[in-house]
Amino acid sequence: LAQDHNLVWTVDSQQDLRQFAGATIVTPNQPEAELNCGVEPNTLSNPALLRPYGTGLLEAIQTMSLLITRGSDGMTLFGHPLC
């Protein structure tokens, strides 16, 4: 419904994030993102792994933006270019 009316649709869920395909932005915390990526806890603490897994999750969810909140490590935003 939000897409039909060009509204921003934000998702903050502990569920399988793929069920929210098409959302404007999805905001899992790091453990939720790791669960949705199917990786061990703290995997996304490694910067070398964060980027490929975050990009893969963004594509799997089919969302415009993915913001992973990472506690004391801040936040990491993944998204598609506007142009």
Protein backbone atom coordinates (compact mmCIF):
# COMPACT_ATOMS: atom_id res chain seq x y z
CA LEU A 1 0.00 0.00 0.00
CA ALA A 2 2.86 2.37 0.86
CA GLN A 3 4.50 1.71 -2.51
CA ASP A 4 1.23 2.37 -4.34
CA HIS A 5 1.12 5.85 -2.78
CA ASN A 6 4.86 6.64 -3.00
CA LEU A 7 5.22 6.69 0.79
CA VAL A 8 8.34 5.93 2.80
CA TRP A 9 8.06 2.46 4.32
CA THR A 10 10.43 1.74 7.21
CA VAL A 11 10.88 -1.73 8.73
CA ASP A 12 12.39 -2.55 12.11
CA SER A 13 11.67 -6.24 12.64
CA GLN A 14 13.25 -9.25 14.28
CA GLN A 15 11.58 -11.49 11.68
CA ASP A 16 12.82 -12.77 8.34
CA LEU A 17 13.52 -9.47 6.62
CA ARG A 18 12.80 -10.90 3.16
CA GLN A 19 9.09 -10.74 3.93
CA PHE A 20 9.37 -6.94 3.73
CA ALA A 21 10.66 -6.80 0.15
CA GLY A 22 10.24 -3.39 -1.37
CA ALA A 23 10.50 -1.39 1.85
CA THR A 24 12.20 1.99 1.60
CA ILE A 25 14.59 1.23 4.47
CA VAL A 26 15.13 -1.77 6.73
CA THR A 27 16.93 -1.22 10.05
CA PRO A 28 18.10 -4.45 11.70
CA ASN A 29 20.64 -4.48 14.49
CA GLN A 30 23.80 -6.48 13.92
CA PRO A 31 22.56 -9.75 15.51
CA GLU A 32 19.35 -9.56 13.44
CA ALA A 33 21.35 -8.89 10.28
CA GLU A 34 23.66 -11.83 11.06
CA LEU A 35 20.67 -14.09 11.62
CA ASN A 36 19.18 -13.01 8.27
CA CYS A 37 22.55 -13.59 6.56
CA GLY A 38 22.86 -17.05 8.12
CA VAL A 39 26.25 -16.32 9.70
CA GLU A 40 27.70 -16.81 13.18
CA PRO A 41 27.29 -14.09 15.82
CA ASN A 42 29.84 -11.26 15.55
CA THR A 43 30.69 -12.09 11.93
CA LEU A 44 29.66 -8.59 10.89
CA SER A 45 32.08 -7.09 13.42
CA ASN A 46 34.76 -7.82 10.82
CA PRO A 47 34.82 -4.85 8.38
CA ALA A 48 36.06 -7.13 5.57
CA LEU A 49 32.91 -9.25 5.92
CA LEU A 50 30.43 -6.50 6.74
CA ARG A 51 30.41 -5.00 3.25
CA PRO A 52 29.77 -8.16 1.21
CA TYR A 53 27.20 -9.55 3.64
CA GLY A 54 25.45 -6.17 3.98
CA THR A 55 25.30 -5.74 0.21
CA GLY A 56 24.01 -9.29 -0.18
CA LEU A 57 21.32 -8.72 2.43
CA LEU A 58 20.28 -5.47 0.75
CA GLU A 59 19.81 -7.37 -2.52
CA ALA A 60 18.05 -10.31 -0.85
CA ILE A 61 15.55 -8.04 0.89
CA GLN A 62 15.05 -6.01 -2.30
CA THR A 63 14.95 -2.77 -0.37
CA MET A 64 16.25 0.69 -1.27
CA SER A 65 18.34 1.07 1.90
CA LEU A 66 19.63 -1.11 4.71
CA LEU A 67 20.86 0.47 7.94
CA ILE A 68 22.59 -1.99 10.27
CA THR A 69 22.91 -0.63 13.79
CA ARG A 70 26.10 -1.96 15.35
CA GLY A 71 26.11 -0.81 18.98
CA SER A 72 29.33 0.92 19.97
CA ASP A 73 30.61 0.43 16.38
CA GLY A 74 27.97 2.85 15.10
CA MET A 75 25.82 2.19 12.05
CA THR A 76 26.49 1.08 8.50
CA LEU A 77 24.25 2.19 5.64
CA PHE A 78 23.88 0.22 2.41
CA GLY A 79 21.85 1.56 -0.47
CA HIS A 80 21.32 1.96 -4.16
CA PRO A 81 22.55 5.06 -5.98
CA LEU A 82 19.84 7.61 -6.72
CA CYS A 83 21.08 8.11 -10.29
